[in-house]
Amino acid sequence: MNEERIKTFDDFWPFYVRQHAHKTTRTLHFVGSTVAMACLAGGLLFRRRSLLPLVPLAAYGPAWAAHFFIEKNRPATFKYPLWSLRADFIMCMKMLGGTMDAEVERAMAGDGDRPEHANGSSVTAVAAEPYRDQASVN
């Protein structure tokens, strides 16, 4: 099975959003990411090395369970680990801002296939300006 690789993050984003169509999946990602960041921060701030191995377990455990049992798809992390991490943070920020459900609706309708969305801004400009690829700036 020789699938074509996605070449840019703007092209990856709609794929990632469609892989997270169920709200429960997104919620489990959010919870896992939050717990993982808390473990990382606690481990570093309080010099508790025992918390550090919990970071990947907290982050990936709920997310992968959601993909396998709710979405019934393969986590994008397997093929695109860095873009998936970046997209997970963007998704969490959009969830906090209350805009992720609309993002899913656009992607599921096919409108998310274009880097430019209804508001005229690309996903990288709207949600992740600090994370923007230098290659996409030029």
Protein backbone atom coordinates (compact mmCIF):
# COMPACT_ATOMS: atom_id res chain seq x y z
CA MET A 1 0.00 0.00 0.00
CA ASN A 2 1.91 3.02 -1.31
CA GLU A 3 0.16 6.18 -0.16
CA GLU A 4 1.25 9.61 -1.31
CA ARG A 5 2.77 11.66 1.50
CA ILE A 6 1.32 15.01 2.44
CA LYS A 7 3.87 17.70 1.69
CA THR A 8 2.79 20.75 3.73
CA PHE A 9 1.21 21.37 7.09
CA ASP A 10 -1.61 23.35 5.46
CA ASP A 11 -2.46 20.22 3.44
CA PHE A 12 -2.07 18.01 6.52
CA TRP A 13 -4.45 20.02 8.73
CA PRO A 14 -7.75 19.06 6.98
CA PHE A 15 -6.66 15.40 7.02
CA TYR A 16 -5.87 15.66 10.73
CA VAL A 17 -9.20 17.33 11.47
CA ARG A 18 -11.12 14.60 9.61
CA GLN A 19 -9.23 11.99 11.65
CA HIS A 20 -10.73 13.64 14.76
CA ALA A 21 -14.35 13.86 13.64
CA HIS A 22 -15.88 12.63 16.91
CA LYS A 23 -16.02 15.12 19.76
CA THR A 24 -15.10 12.35 22.24
CA THR A 25 -11.84 11.77 20.36
CA ARG A 26 -11.00 15.46 20.53
CA THR A 27 -11.87 15.55 24.22
CA LEU A 28 -9.65 12.56 24.96
CA HIS A 29 -6.81 14.27 23.05
CA PHE A 30 -7.34 17.44 25.07
CA VAL A 31 -7.37 15.57 28.39
CA GLY A 32 -4.30 13.54 27.44
CA SER A 33 -2.37 16.60 26.28
CA THR A 34 -3.30 18.53 29.41
CA VAL A 35 -2.24 15.71 31.74
CA ALA A 36 0.96 15.19 29.73
CA MET A 37 1.87 18.88 29.98
CA ALA A 38 1.12 18.82 33.72
CA CYS A 39 3.40 15.79 34.17
CA LEU A 40 6.14 17.45 32.13
CA ALA A 41 5.85 20.73 34.03
CA GLY A 42 5.68 18.97 37.40
CA GLY A 43 8.63 16.77 36.54
CA LEU A 44 10.76 19.72 35.50
CA LEU A 45 9.64 22.29 38.07
CA PHE A 46 9.72 19.96 41.06
CA ARG A 47 12.60 17.81 39.78
CA ARG A 48 10.45 14.70 39.96
CA ARG A 49 11.93 12.48 37.27
CA SER A 50 9.32 9.85 38.07
CA LEU A 51 6.70 12.05 36.35
CA LEU A 52 8.56 12.21 33.02
CA PRO A 53 7.79 8.65 31.83
CA LEU A 54 4.12 9.48 32.34
CA VAL A 55 4.24 12.20 29.65
CA PRO A 56 4.00 9.92 26.59
CA LEU A 57 1.59 7.57 28.38
CA ALA A 58 -0.73 10.42 29.29
CA ALA A 59 -0.52 11.99 25.85
CA TYR A 60 -0.79 8.93 23.64
CA GLY A 61 -2.85 6.55 25.76
CA PRO A 62 -6.21 8.35 25.57
CA ALA A 63 -5.56 9.61 22.03
CA TRP A 64 -4.68 6.24 20.56
CA ALA A 65 -7.54 4.53 22.41
CA ALA A 66 -9.90 7.07 20.82
CA HIS A 67 -8.49 6.42 17.35
CA PHE A 68 -8.65 2.64 17.65
CA PHE A 69 -12.02 2.33 19.39
CA ILE A 70 -14.00 5.49 18.50
CA GLU A 71 -12.70 6.79 15.16
CA LYS A 72 -11.56 3.32 14.05
CA ASN A 73 -8.63 4.82 12.18
CA ARG A 74 -4.86 4.85 12.43
CA PRO A 75 -3.38 7.76 14.42
CA ALA A 76 -1.69 10.30 12.15
CA THR A 77 1.23 10.24 14.61
CA PHE A 78 2.40 6.98 13.05
CA LYS A 79 3.16 8.64 9.71
CA TYR A 80 3.45 12.35 10.61
CA PRO A 81 4.68 12.58 14.23
CA LEU A 82 5.79 16.23 14.32
CA TRP A 83 2.87 17.59 12.34
CA SER A 84 0.52 15.55 14.53
CA LEU A 85 2.02 17.04 17.68
CA ARG A 86 1.71 20.53 16.22
CA ALA A 87 -1.86 19.87 15.07
CA ASP A 88 -2.77 18.48 18.49
CA PHE A 89 -1.74 21.74 20.14
CA ILE A 90 -3.65 23.73 17.53
CA MET A 91 -6.71 21.55 18.05
CA CYS A 92 -6.48 22.06 21.83
CA MET A 93 -6.22 25.82 21.38
CA LYS A 94 -9.19 25.83 19.02
CA MET A 95 -11.14 23.74 21.55
CA LEU A 96 -10.35 26.30 24.24
CA GLY A 97 -11.43 29.07 21.87
CA GLY A 98 -14.64 27.26 20.94
CA THR A 99 -13.82 27.10 17.22
CA MET A 100 -12.86 23.45 16.75
CA ASP A 101 -16.38 22.13 16.11
CA ALA A 102 -16.75 24.56 13.19
CA GLU A 103 -13.32 23.50 11.92
CA VAL A 104 -14.48 19.87 11.91
CA GLU A 105 -17.68 20.80 10.08
CA ARG A 106 -15.64 22.60 7.38
CA ALA A 107 -13.21 19.71 6.98
CA MET A 108 -15.97 17.10 6.82
CA ALA A 109 -17.80 19.17 4.19
CA GLY A 110 -14.62 19.34 2.12
CA ASP A 111 -14.01 23.05 2.67
CA GLY A 112 -11.05 22.22 4.91
CA ASP A 113 -9.13 20.89 1.91
CA ARG A 114 -8.12 24.40 1.01
CA PRO A 115 -5.50 26.18 3.11
CA GLU A 116 -7.61 29.34 2.94
CA HIS A 117 -10.74 29.00 5.05
CA ALA A 118 -13.98 30.95 5.06
CA ASN A 119 -12.47 33.76 7.12
CA GLY A 120 -9.64 34.17 4.61
CA SER A 121 -6.92 33.00 6.98
CA SER A 122 -4.89 29.84 6.79
CA VAL A 123 -4.85 27.46 9.73
CA THR A 124 -1.23 28.30 10.47
CA ALA A 125 -1.94 32.01 10.58
CA VAL A 126 -5.05 31.71 12.72
CA ALA A 127 -4.11 29.06 15.22
CA ALA A 128 -0.39 28.70 15.23
CA GLU A 129 1.46 31.84 14.23
CA PRO A 130 4.30 31.05 16.68
CA TYR A 131 4.57 27.54 15.17
CA ARG A 132 4.45 28.60 11.55
CA ASP A 133 6.88 26.81 9.22
CA GLN A 134 9.62 29.08 7.96
CA ALA A 135 9.25 27.46 4.54
CA SER A 136 5.62 28.59 4.32
CA VAL A 137 6.53 32.18 5.22
CA ASN A 138 8.53 32.74 2.03
